[in-house]
Amino acid sequence: MRSEISRSNIKANNQTKKYMGNPKKFQLINRTNLVASTLKRSNNKSGVIGVSWDKTAQKWVARLYFQGHLVLNRVYVHMEDAIAARKAAEKRYIVPLQKQYNQTHQKNQLN
């Protein structure tokens, strides 16, 4: 039942509809959607992907989901520290996959 509800929610979501059928919007490699990991959302207030202001704590939060796991979820007093943490996590988790995707994609274009 949960999967049916999820499927209907996805089909009803305008943002998902916009990206359906466009393989460039779903660059999957090793169970990770590279576009989703590196795309700034429209409601982003910090200007940096994965960095947000926690109103309750009155602090900056840096987050990164990777392959279904929250690999970064830390709170910082200064925005610069949260940005640095997010960038370091991207370098560790996302950049190697981007390189792998680019190499695979280039090989496929040559064939």
PDB file of N, CA and C in Angstrom:
ATOM      1  N   MET A   1       0.833  -1.189   0.000  1.00  0.00           N
ATOM      2  CA  MET A   1       0.000   0.000   0.000  1.00  0.00           C
ATOM      3  C   MET A   1       0.886   1.264   0.000  1.00  0.00           C
ATOM      4  N   ARG A   2       1.960   1.214   0.777  1.00  0.00           N
ATOM      5  CA  ARG A   2       2.859   2.358   0.844  1.00  0.00           C
ATOM      6  C   ARG A   2       3.450   2.676  -0.525  1.00  0.00           C
ATOM      7  N   SER A   3       3.841   1.640  -1.267  1.00  0.00           N
ATOM      8  CA  SER A   3       4.431   1.874  -2.585  1.00  0.00           C
ATOM      9  C   SER A   3       3.395   2.436  -3.560  1.00  0.00           C
ATOM     10  N   GLU A   4       2.134   2.015  -3.440  1.00  0.00           N
ATOM     11  CA  GLU A   4       1.076   2.554  -4.300  1.00  0.00           C
ATOM     12  C   GLU A   4       0.854   4.038  -4.014  1.00  0.00           C
ATOM     13  N   ILE A   5       0.830   4.402  -2.742  1.00  0.00           N
ATOM     14  CA  ILE A   5       0.650   5.802  -2.361  1.00  0.00           C
ATOM     15  C   ILE A   5       1.834   6.624  -2.844  1.00  0.00           C
ATOM     16  N   SER A   6       3.027   6.091  -2.663  1.00  0.00           N
ATOM     17  CA  SER A   6       4.226   6.787  -3.111  1.00  0.00           C
ATOM     18  C   SER A   6       4.211   6.976  -4.622  1.00  0.00           C
ATOM     19  N   ARG A   7       3.820   5.943  -5.355  1.00  0.00           N
ATOM     20  CA  ARG A   7       3.754   6.014  -6.813  1.00  0.00           C
ATOM     21  C   ARG A   7       2.760   7.088  -7.258  1.00  0.00           C
ATOM     22  N   SER A   8       1.593   7.135  -6.623  1.00  0.00           N
ATOM     23  CA  SER A   8       0.600   8.144  -7.006  1.00  0.00           C
ATOM     24  C   SER A   8       1.059   9.548  -6.631  1.00  0.00           C
ATOM     25  N   ASN A   9       1.761   9.685  -5.500  1.00  0.00           N
ATOM     26  CA  ASN A   9       2.299  10.998  -5.117  1.00  0.00           C
ATOM     27  C   ASN A   9       3.351  11.480  -6.113  1.00  0.00           C
ATOM     28  N   ILE A  10       4.193  10.569  -6.557  1.00  0.00           N
ATOM     29  CA  ILE A  10       5.224  10.926  -7.536  1.00  0.00           C
ATOM     30  C   ILE A  10       4.575  11.373  -8.837  1.00  0.00           C
ATOM     31  N   LYS A  11       3.573  10.638  -9.286  1.00  0.00           N
ATOM     32  CA  LYS A  11       2.908  10.987 -10.543  1.00  0.00           C
ATOM     33  C   LYS A  11       2.154  12.306 -10.445  1.00  0.00           C
ATOM     34  N   ALA A  12       1.708  12.670  -9.246  1.00  0.00           N
ATOM     35  CA  ALA A  12       0.964  13.916  -9.064  1.00  0.00           C
ATOM     36  C   ALA A  12       1.878  15.120  -8.846  1.00  0.00           C
ATOM     37  N   ASN A  13       3.147  14.875  -8.587  1.00  0.00           N
ATOM     38  CA  ASN A  13       4.088  15.951  -8.299  1.00  0.00           C
ATOM     39  C   ASN A  13       4.542  16.615  -9.602  1.00  0.00           C
ATOM     40  N   ASN A  14       4.285  17.913  -9.741  1.00  0.00           N
ATOM     41  CA  ASN A  14       4.626  18.640 -10.967  1.00  0.00           C
ATOM     42  C   ASN A  14       6.124  18.666 -11.227  1.00  0.00           C
ATOM     43  N   GLN A  15       6.934  18.782 -10.173  1.00  0.00           N
ATOM     44  CA  GLN A  15       8.387  18.794 -10.356  1.00  0.00           C
ATOM     45  C   GLN A  15       8.862  17.466 -10.946  1.00  0.00           C
ATOM     46  N   THR A  16       8.308  16.368 -10.458  1.00  0.00           N
ATOM     47  CA  THR A  16       8.691  15.053 -10.976  1.00  0.00           C
ATOM     48  C   THR A  16       8.249  14.918 -12.425  1.00  0.00           C
ATOM     49  N   LYS A  17       7.036  15.368 -12.716  1.00  0.00           N
ATOM     50  CA  LYS A  17       6.539  15.303 -14.095  1.00  0.00           C
ATOM     51  C   LYS A  17       7.457  16.063 -15.038  1.00  0.00           C
ATOM     52  N   LYS A  18       7.962  17.196 -14.570  1.00  0.00           N
ATOM     53  CA  LYS A  18       8.835  18.029 -15.392  1.00  0.00           C
ATOM     54  C   LYS A  18      10.103  17.275 -15.799  1.00  0.00           C
ATOM     55  N   TYR A  19      10.617  16.414 -14.908  1.00  0.00           N
ATOM     56  CA  TYR A  19      11.867  15.707 -15.162  1.00  0.00           C
ATOM     57  C   TYR A  19      11.669  14.321 -15.774  1.00  0.00           C
ATOM     58  N   MET A  20      10.455  13.798 -15.747  1.00  0.00           N
ATOM     59  CA  MET A  20      10.209  12.458 -16.301  1.00  0.00           C
ATOM     60  C   MET A  20      10.520  12.443 -17.788  1.00  0.00           C
ATOM     61  N   GLY A  21      11.184  11.414 -18.211  1.00  0.00           N
ATOM     62  CA  GLY A  21      11.509  11.265 -19.616  1.00  0.00           C
ATOM     63  C   GLY A  21      12.765  12.001 -20.043  1.00  0.00           C
ATOM     64  N   ASN A  22      13.381  12.727 -19.139  1.00  0.00           N
ATOM     65  CA  ASN A  22      14.607  13.443 -19.462  1.00  0.00           C
ATOM     66  C   ASN A  22      15.755  12.764 -18.720  1.00  0.00           C
ATOM     67  N   PRO A  23      16.499  11.890 -19.382  1.00  0.00           N
ATOM     68  CA  PRO A  23      17.544  11.119 -18.683  1.00  0.00           C
ATOM     69  C   PRO A  23      18.644  11.986 -18.090  1.00  0.00           C
ATOM     70  N   LYS A  24      18.835  13.204 -18.606  1.00  0.00           N
ATOM     71  CA  LYS A  24      19.858  14.077 -18.045  1.00  0.00           C
ATOM     72  C   LYS A  24      19.494  14.525 -16.637  1.00  0.00           C
ATOM     73  N   LYS A  25      18.212  14.465 -16.291  1.00  0.00           N
ATOM     74  CA  LYS A  25      17.771  14.871 -14.957  1.00  0.00           C
ATOM     75  C   LYS A  25      17.885  13.725 -13.950  1.00  0.00           C
ATOM     76  N   PHE A  26      18.138  12.503 -14.427  1.00  0.00           N
ATOM     77  CA  PHE A  26      18.271  11.339 -13.552  1.00  0.00           C
ATOM     78  C   PHE A  26      19.582  10.626 -13.869  1.00  0.00           C
ATOM     79  N   GLN A  27      20.683  11.238 -13.514  1.00  0.00           N
ATOM     80  CA  GLN A  27      21.995  10.646 -13.778  1.00  0.00           C
ATOM     81  C   GLN A  27      22.338   9.702 -12.624  1.00  0.00           C
ATOM     82  N   LEU A  28      21.821   8.487 -12.715  1.00  0.00           N
ATOM     83  CA  LEU A  28      22.036   7.515 -11.652  1.00  0.00           C
ATOM     84  C   LEU A  28      23.348   6.791 -11.846  1.00  0.00           C
ATOM     85  N   ILE A  29      24.090   6.697 -10.765  1.00  0.00           N
ATOM     86  CA  ILE A  29      25.294   5.881 -10.739  1.00  0.00           C
ATOM     87  C   ILE A  29      25.454   5.387  -9.299  1.00  0.00           C
ATOM     88  N   ASN A  30      25.619   4.101  -9.151  1.00  0.00           N
ATOM     89  CA  ASN A  30      25.734   3.482  -7.816  1.00  0.00           C
ATOM     90  C   ASN A  30      24.609   3.914  -6.877  1.00  0.00           C
ATOM     91  N   ARG A  31      23.387   3.849  -7.366  1.00  0.00           N
ATOM     92  CA  ARG A  31      22.178   4.151  -6.579  1.00  0.00           C
ATOM     93  C   ARG A  31      22.118   5.615  -6.113  1.00  0.00           C
ATOM     94  N   THR A  32      22.793   6.508  -6.792  1.00  0.00           N
ATOM     95  CA  THR A  32      22.787   7.914  -6.404  1.00  0.00           C
ATOM     96  C   THR A  32      22.392   8.763  -7.598  1.00  0.00           C
ATOM     97  N   ASN A  33      21.407   9.639  -7.405  1.00  0.00           N
ATOM     98  CA  ASN A  33      21.000  10.575  -8.435  1.00  0.00           C
ATOM     99  C   ASN A  33      21.879  11.811  -8.299  1.00  0.00           C
ATOM    100  N   LEU A  34      22.827  11.961  -9.209  1.00  0.00           N
ATOM    101  CA  LEU A  34      23.782  13.062  -9.116  1.00  0.00           C
ATOM    102  C   LEU A  34      23.110  14.423  -9.262  1.00  0.00           C
ATOM    103  N   VAL A  35      22.083  14.506 -10.065  1.00  0.00           N
ATOM    104  CA  VAL A  35      21.395  15.786 -10.241  1.00  0.00           C
ATOM    105  C   VAL A  35      20.719  16.196  -8.942  1.00  0.00           C
ATOM    106  N   ALA A  36      20.032  15.269  -8.310  1.00  0.00           N
ATOM    107  CA  ALA A  36      19.342  15.591  -7.061  1.00  0.00           C
ATOM    108  C   ALA A  36      20.316  16.008  -5.972  1.00  0.00           C
ATOM    109  N   SER A  37      21.509  15.442  -5.997  1.00  0.00           N
ATOM    110  CA  SER A  37      22.513  15.760  -4.986  1.00  0.00           C
ATOM    111  C   SER A  37      23.176  17.111  -5.208  1.00  0.00           C
ATOM    112  N   THR A  38      23.073  17.627  -6.423  1.00  0.00           N
ATOM    113  CA  THR A  38      23.795  18.860  -6.748  1.00  0.00           C
ATOM    114  C   THR A  38      22.886  19.967  -7.273  1.00  0.00           C
ATOM    115  N   LEU A  39      21.581  19.799  -7.165  1.00  0.00           N
ATOM    116  CA  LEU A  39      20.629  20.776  -7.675  1.00  0.00           C
ATOM    117  C   LEU A  39      20.086  21.622  -6.535  1.00  0.00           C
ATOM    118  N   LYS A  40      20.218  22.927  -6.664  1.00  0.00           N
ATOM    119  CA  LYS A  40      19.705  23.820  -5.625  1.00  0.00           C
ATOM    120  C   LYS A  40      18.190  23.903  -5.755  1.00  0.00           C
ATOM    121  N   ARG A  41      17.512  23.667  -4.665  1.00  0.00           N
ATOM    122  CA  ARG A  41      16.056  23.693  -4.653  1.00  0.00           C
ATOM    123  C   ARG A  41      15.548  25.127  -4.687  1.00  0.00           C
ATOM    124  N   SER A  42      14.333  25.283  -5.162  1.00  0.00           N
ATOM    125  CA  SER A  42      13.756  26.621  -5.305  1.00  0.00           C
ATOM    126  C   SER A  42      13.522  27.299  -3.955  1.00  0.00           C
ATOM    127  N   ASN A  43      13.362  26.513  -2.896  1.00  0.00           N
ATOM    128  CA  ASN A  43      13.118  27.101  -1.573  1.00  0.00           C
ATOM    129  C   ASN A  43      14.407  27.284  -0.766  1.00  0.00           C
ATOM    130  N   ASN A  44      15.553  27.126  -1.417  1.00  0.00           N
ATOM    131  CA  ASN A  44      16.836  27.279  -0.745  1.00  0.00           C
ATOM    132  C   ASN A  44      17.078  28.739  -0.411  1.00  0.00           C
ATOM    133  N   LYS A  45      17.302  29.025   0.861  1.00  0.00           N
ATOM    134  CA  LYS A  45      17.495  30.405   1.317  1.00  0.00           C
ATOM    135  C   LYS A  45      18.972  30.749   1.528  1.00  0.00           C
ATOM    136  N   SER A  46      19.813  29.739   1.705  1.00  0.00           N
ATOM    137  CA  SER A  46      21.222  30.000   1.990  1.00  0.00           C
ATOM    138  C   SER A  46      22.026  30.259   0.726  1.00  0.00           C
ATOM    139  N   GLY A  47      21.531  29.775  -0.401  1.00  0.00           N
ATOM    140  CA  GLY A  47      22.277  29.898  -1.637  1.00  0.00           C
ATOM    141  C   GLY A  47      23.245  28.756  -1.850  1.00  0.00           C
ATOM    142  N   VAL A  48      23.332  27.838  -0.898  1.00  0.00           N
ATOM    143  CA  VAL A  48      24.251  26.704  -0.978  1.00  0.00           C
ATOM    144  C   VAL A  48      23.446  25.418  -0.807  1.00  0.00           C
ATOM    145  N   ILE A  49      23.650  24.483  -1.721  1.00  0.00           N
ATOM    146  CA  ILE A  49      22.950  23.204  -1.655  1.00  0.00           C
ATOM    147  C   ILE A  49      23.329  22.487  -0.363  1.00  0.00           C
ATOM    148  N   GLY A  50      22.317  21.996   0.370  1.00  0.00           N
ATOM    149  CA  GLY A  50      22.567  21.212   1.570  1.00  0.00           C
ATOM    150  C   GLY A  50      22.872  22.018   2.818  1.00  0.00           C
ATOM    151  N   VAL A  51      22.749  23.334   2.728  1.00  0.00           N
ATOM    152  CA  VAL A  51      22.979  24.196   3.898  1.00  0.00           C
ATOM    153  C   VAL A  51      21.705  24.990   4.149  1.00  0.00           C
ATOM    154  N   SER A  52      21.212  24.926   5.389  1.00  0.00           N
ATOM    155  CA  SER A  52      19.974  25.622   5.721  1.00  0.00           C
ATOM    156  C   SER A  52      20.045  26.200   7.132  1.00  0.00           C
ATOM    157  N   TRP A  53      19.133  27.115   7.400  1.00  0.00           N
ATOM    158  CA  TRP A  53      19.049  27.764   8.697  1.00  0.00           C
ATOM    159  C   TRP A  53      17.995  27.050   9.529  1.00  0.00           C
ATOM    160  N   ASP A  54      18.363  26.610  10.724  1.00  0.00           N
ATOM    161  CA  ASP A  54      17.430  25.974  11.649  1.00  0.00           C
ATOM    162  C   ASP A  54      16.891  27.050  12.575  1.00  0.00           C
ATOM    163  N   LYS A  55      15.623  27.399  12.389  1.00  0.00           N
ATOM    164  CA  LYS A  55      15.015  28.475  13.188  1.00  0.00           C
ATOM    165  C   LYS A  55      14.974  28.127  14.668  1.00  0.00           C
ATOM    166  N   THR A  56      14.701  26.872  14.977  1.00  0.00           N
ATOM    167  CA  THR A  56      14.587  26.454  16.372  1.00  0.00           C
ATOM    168  C   THR A  56      15.925  26.568  17.097  1.00  0.00           C
ATOM    169  N   ALA A  57      16.967  26.049  16.489  1.00  0.00           N
ATOM    170  CA  ALA A  57      18.290  26.057  17.119  1.00  0.00           C
ATOM    171  C   ALA A  57      19.023  27.377  16.906  1.00  0.00           C
ATOM    172  N   GLN A  58      18.534  28.173  15.926  1.00  0.00           N
ATOM    173  CA  GLN A  58      19.204  29.424  15.555  1.00  0.00           C
ATOM    174  C   GLN A  58      20.649  29.168  15.135  1.00  0.00           C
ATOM    175  N   LYS A  59      20.796  28.119  14.296  1.00  0.00           N
ATOM    176  CA  LYS A  59      22.118  27.735  13.800  1.00  0.00           C
ATOM    177  C   LYS A  59      21.986  27.232  12.367  1.00  0.00           C
ATOM    178  N   TRP A  60      23.122  27.123  11.697  1.00  0.00           N
ATOM    179  CA  TRP A  60      23.185  26.608  10.336  1.00  0.00           C
ATOM    180  C   TRP A  60      23.340  25.098  10.367  1.00  0.00           C
ATOM    181  N   VAL A  61      22.700  24.421   9.436  1.00  0.00           N
ATOM    182  CA  VAL A  61      22.764  22.966   9.353  1.00  0.00           C
ATOM    183  C   VAL A  61      23.314  22.576   7.987  1.00  0.00           C
ATOM    184  N   ALA A  62      24.253  21.644   7.981  1.00  0.00           N
ATOM    185  CA  ALA A  62      24.802  21.088   6.739  1.00  0.00           C
ATOM    186  C   ALA A  62      24.353  19.632   6.653  1.00  0.00           C
ATOM    187  N   ARG A  63      23.757  19.271   5.506  1.00  0.00           N
ATOM    188  CA  ARG A  63      23.265  17.906   5.323  1.00  0.00           C
ATOM    189  C   ARG A  63      23.663  17.376   3.957  1.00  0.00           C
ATOM    190  N   LEU A  64      23.843  16.039   3.920  1.00  0.00           N
ATOM    191  CA  LEU A  64      24.038  15.349   2.652  1.00  0.00           C
ATOM    192  C   LEU A  64      23.521  13.928   2.791  1.00  0.00           C
ATOM    193  N   TYR A  65      22.567  13.580   1.921  1.00  0.00           N
ATOM    194  CA  TYR A  65      22.096  12.208   1.817  1.00  0.00           C
ATOM    195  C   TYR A  65      22.894  11.545   0.714  1.00  0.00           C
ATOM    196  N   PHE A  66      23.364  10.339   0.987  1.00  0.00           N
ATOM    197  CA  PHE A  66      24.139   9.607  -0.001  1.00  0.00           C
ATOM    198  C   PHE A  66      23.733   8.152   0.042  1.00  0.00           C
ATOM    199  N   GLN A  67      23.244   7.659  -1.074  1.00  0.00           N
ATOM    200  CA  GLN A  67      22.805   6.275  -1.214  1.00  0.00           C
ATOM    201  C   GLN A  67      21.861   5.862  -0.095  1.00  0.00           C
ATOM    202  N   GLY A  68      20.909   6.739   0.185  1.00  0.00           N
ATOM    203  CA  GLY A  68      19.867   6.444   1.166  1.00  0.00           C
ATOM    204  C   GLY A  68      20.261   6.657   2.613  1.00  0.00           C
ATOM    205  N   HIS A  69      21.445   7.204   2.845  1.00  0.00           N
ATOM    206  CA  HIS A  69      21.910   7.433   4.208  1.00  0.00           C
ATOM    207  C   HIS A  69      22.275   8.900   4.408  1.00  0.00           C
ATOM    208  N   LEU A  70      22.009   9.388   5.580  1.00  0.00           N
ATOM    209  CA  LEU A  70      22.394  10.748   5.930  1.00  0.00           C
ATOM    210  C   LEU A  70      23.848  10.710   6.390  1.00  0.00           C
ATOM    211  N   VAL A  71      24.766  11.105   5.513  1.00  0.00           N
ATOM    212  CA  VAL A  71      26.191  11.016   5.826  1.00  0.00           C
ATOM    213  C   VAL A  71      26.715  12.303   6.449  1.00  0.00           C
ATOM    214  N   LEU A  72      25.929  13.364   6.329  1.00  0.00           N
ATOM    215  CA  LEU A  72      26.292  14.633   6.959  1.00  0.00           C
ATOM    216  C   LEU A  72      25.030  15.257   7.519  1.00  0.00           C
ATOM    217  N   ASN A  73      25.045  15.545   8.802  1.00  0.00           N
ATOM    218  CA  ASN A  73      23.916  16.210   9.461  1.00  0.00           C
ATOM    219  C   ASN A  73      24.475  16.893  10.708  1.00  0.00           C
ATOM    220  N   ARG A  74      25.095  18.050  10.497  1.00  0.00           N
ATOM    221  CA  ARG A  74      25.745  18.752  11.602  1.00  0.00           C
ATOM    222  C   ARG A  74      25.251  20.179  11.689  1.00  0.00           C
ATOM    223  N   VAL A  75      25.313  20.705  12.891  1.00  0.00           N
ATOM    224  CA  VAL A  75      24.860  22.063  13.178  1.00  0.00           C
ATOM    225  C   VAL A  75      26.076  22.948  13.423  1.00  0.00           C
ATOM    226  N   TYR A  76      26.021  24.172  12.883  1.00  0.00           N
ATOM    227  CA  TYR A  76      27.137  25.110  13.007  1.00  0.00           C
ATOM    228  C   TYR A  76      26.624  26.499  13.387  1.00  0.00           C
ATOM    229  N   VAL A  77      27.432  27.212  14.126  1.00  0.00           N
ATOM    230  CA  VAL A  77      27.098  28.588  14.498  1.00  0.00           C
ATOM    231  C   VAL A  77      27.279  29.502  13.292  1.00  0.00           C
ATOM    232  N   HIS A  78      28.328  29.273  12.531  1.00  0.00           N
ATOM    233  CA  HIS A  78      28.657  30.136  11.404  1.00  0.00           C
ATOM    234  C   HIS A  78      28.318  29.455  10.081  1.00  0.00           C
ATOM    235  N   MET A  79      27.714  30.200   9.194  1.00  0.00           N
ATOM    236  CA  MET A  79      27.337  29.683   7.882  1.00  0.00           C
ATOM    237  C   MET A  79      28.552  29.163   7.114  1.00  0.00           C
ATOM    238  N   GLU A  80      29.666  29.850   7.225  1.00  0.00           N
ATOM    239  CA  GLU A  80      30.881  29.447   6.503  1.00  0.00           C
ATOM    240  C   GLU A  80      31.336  28.045   6.900  1.00  0.00           C
ATOM    241  N   ASP A  81      31.161  27.710   8.176  1.00  0.00           N
ATOM    242  CA  ASP A  81      31.547  26.373   8.645  1.00  0.00           C
ATOM    243  C   ASP A  81      30.620  25.302   8.058  1.00  0.00           C
ATOM    244  N   ALA A  82      29.331  25.623   7.983  1.00  0.00           N
ATOM    245  CA  ALA A  82      28.369  24.685   7.401  1.00  0.00           C
ATOM    246  C   ALA A  82      28.660  24.475   5.921  1.00  0.00           C
ATOM    247  N   ILE A  83      28.987  25.559   5.221  1.00  0.00           N
ATOM    248  CA  ILE A  83      29.326  25.458   3.799  1.00  0.00           C
ATOM    249  C   ILE A  83      30.577  24.603   3.605  1.00  0.00           C
ATOM    250  N   ALA A  84      31.586  24.840   4.419  1.00  0.00           N
ATOM    251  CA  ALA A  84      32.828  24.071   4.317  1.00  0.00           C
ATOM    252  C   ALA A  84      32.574  22.581   4.562  1.00  0.00           C
ATOM    253  N   ALA A  85      31.724  22.266   5.537  1.00  0.00           N
ATOM    254  CA  ALA A  85      31.408  20.869   5.835  1.00  0.00           C
ATOM    255  C   ALA A  85      30.678  20.216   4.667  1.00  0.00           C
ATOM    256  N   ARG A  86      29.738  20.944   4.082  1.00  0.00           N
ATOM    257  CA  ARG A  86      28.991  20.407   2.938  1.00  0.00           C
ATOM    258  C   ARG A  86      29.926  20.182   1.746  1.00  0.00           C
ATOM    259  N   LYS A  87      30.785  21.139   1.473  1.00  0.00           N
ATOM    260  CA  LYS A  87      31.720  21.015   0.352  1.00  0.00           C
ATOM    261  C   LYS A  87      32.681  19.832   0.567  1.00  0.00           C
ATOM    262  N   ALA A  88      33.131  19.635   1.798  1.00  0.00           N
ATOM    263  CA  ALA A  88      34.016  18.509   2.102  1.00  0.00           C
ATOM    264  C   ALA A  88      33.282  17.180   1.893  1.00  0.00           C
ATOM    265  N   ALA A  89      32.022  17.120   2.305  1.00  0.00           N
ATOM    266  CA  ALA A  89      31.236  15.900   2.126  1.00  0.00           C
ATOM    267  C   ALA A  89      30.991  15.633   0.641  1.00  0.00           C
ATOM    268  N   GLU A  90      30.726  16.683  -0.129  1.00  0.00           N
ATOM    269  CA  GLU A  90      30.551  16.517  -1.572  1.00  0.00           C
ATOM    270  C   GLU A  90      31.826  15.977  -2.206  1.00  0.00           C
ATOM    271  N   LYS A  91      32.957  16.527  -1.776  1.00  0.00           N
ATOM    272  CA  LYS A  91      34.245  16.088  -2.323  1.00  0.00           C
ATOM    273  C   LYS A  91      34.483  14.604  -2.020  1.00  0.00           C
ATOM    274  N   ARG A  92      34.075  14.185  -0.842  1.00  0.00           N
ATOM    275  CA  ARG A  92      34.282  12.796  -0.435  1.00  0.00           C
ATOM    276  C   ARG A  92      33.304  11.830  -1.111  1.00  0.00           C
ATOM    277  N   TYR A  93      32.030  12.229  -1.236  1.00  0.00           N
ATOM    278  CA  TYR A  93      31.008  11.300  -1.702  1.00  0.00           C
ATOM    279  C   TYR A  93      30.550  11.538  -3.146  1.00  0.00           C
ATOM    280  N   ILE A  94      30.311  12.766  -3.522  1.00  0.00           N
ATOM    281  CA  ILE A  94      29.694  13.068  -4.815  1.00  0.00           C
ATOM    282  C   ILE A  94      30.713  13.166  -5.948  1.00  0.00           C
ATOM    283  N   VAL A  95      31.823  13.848  -5.722  1.00  0.00           N
ATOM    284  CA  VAL A  95      32.805  14.071  -6.787  1.00  0.00           C
ATOM    285  C   VAL A  95      33.310  12.766  -7.401  1.00  0.00           C
ATOM    286  N   PRO A  96      33.650  11.738  -6.615  1.00  0.00           N
ATOM    287  CA  PRO A  96      34.081  10.480  -7.246  1.00  0.00           C
ATOM    288  C   PRO A  96      33.005   9.869  -8.147  1.00  0.00           C
ATOM    289  N   LEU A  97      31.742   9.990  -7.755  1.00  0.00           N
ATOM    290  CA  LEU A  97      30.668   9.459  -8.595  1.00  0.00           C
ATOM    291  C   LEU A  97      30.499  10.278  -9.862  1.00  0.00           C
ATOM    292  N   GLN A  98      30.677  11.600  -9.752  1.00  0.00           N
ATOM    293  CA  GLN A  98      30.591  12.440 -10.942  1.00  0.00           C
ATOM    294  C   GLN A  98      31.691  12.059 -11.938  1.00  0.00           C
ATOM    295  N   LYS A  99      32.883  11.832 -11.436  1.00  0.00           N
ATOM    296  CA  LYS A  99      33.979  11.417 -12.304  1.00  0.00           C
ATOM    297  C   LYS A  99      33.665  10.074 -12.962  1.00  0.00           C
ATOM    298  N   GLN A 100      33.139   9.145 -12.174  1.00  0.00           N
ATOM    299  CA  GLN A 100      32.782   7.828 -12.694  1.00  0.00           C
ATOM    300  C   GLN A 100      31.685   7.959 -13.751  1.00  0.00           C
ATOM    301  N   TYR A 101      30.687   8.790 -13.474  1.00  0.00           N
ATOM    302  CA  TYR A 101      29.603   8.999 -14.442  1.00  0.00           C
ATOM    303  C   TYR A 101      30.148   9.591 -15.737  1.00  0.00           C
ATOM    304  N   ASN A 102      30.999  10.599 -15.630  1.00  0.00           N
ATOM    305  CA  ASN A 102      31.560  11.250 -16.815  1.00  0.00           C
ATOM    306  C   ASN A 102      32.381  10.277 -17.653  1.00  0.00           C
ATOM    307  N   GLN A 103      33.185   9.448 -16.992  1.00  0.00           N
ATOM    308  CA  GLN A 103      33.981   8.450 -17.718  1.00  0.00           C
ATOM    309  C   GLN A 103      33.081   7.444 -18.435  1.00  0.00           C
ATOM    310  N   THR A 104      32.057   6.963 -17.753  1.00  0.00           N
ATOM    311  CA  THR A 104      31.119   6.004 -18.344  1.00  0.00           C
ATOM    312  C   THR A 104      30.360   6.642 -19.498  1.00  0.00           C
ATOM    313  N   HIS A 105      29.905   7.869 -19.292  1.00  0.00           N
ATOM    314  CA  HIS A 105      29.139   8.578 -20.312  1.00  0.00           C
ATOM    315  C   HIS A 105      29.995   8.834 -21.557  1.00  0.00           C
ATOM    316  N   GLN A 106      31.246   9.205 -21.364  1.00  0.00           N
ATOM    317  CA  GLN A 106      32.151   9.438 -22.499  1.00  0.00           C
ATOM    318  C   GLN A 106      32.403   8.153 -23.275  1.00  0.00           C
ATOM    319  N   LYS A 107      32.566   7.043 -22.567  1.00  0.00           N
ATOM    320  CA  LYS A 107      32.790   5.753 -23.232  1.00  0.00           C
ATOM    321  C   LYS A 107      31.566   5.372 -24.056  1.00  0.00           C
ATOM    322  N   ASN A 108      30.362   5.600 -23.495  1.00  0.00           N
ATOM    323  CA  ASN A 108      29.120   5.261 -24.201  1.00  0.00           C
ATOM    324  C   ASN A 108      28.949   6.121 -25.439  1.00  0.00           C
ATOM    325  N   GLN A 109      29.386   7.377 -25.417  1.00  0.00           N
ATOM    326  CA  GLN A 109      29.260   8.246 -26.579  1.00  0.00           C
ATOM    327  C   GLN A 109      30.208   7.822 -27.688  1.00  0.00           C
ATOM    328  N   LEU A 110      31.346   7.259 -27.310  1.00  0.00           N
ATOM    329  CA  LEU A 110      32.303   6.822 -28.317  1.00  0.00           C
ATOM    330  C   LEU A 110      31.850   5.560 -29.033  1.00  0.00           C
ATOM    331  N   ASN A 111      31.070   4.727 -28.348  1.00  0.00           N
ATOM    332  CA  ASN A 111      30.597   3.453 -28.941  1.00  0.00           C
ATOM    333  C   ASN A 111      29.412   3.653 -29.838  1.00  0.00           C
TER     334      ASN A 111
END
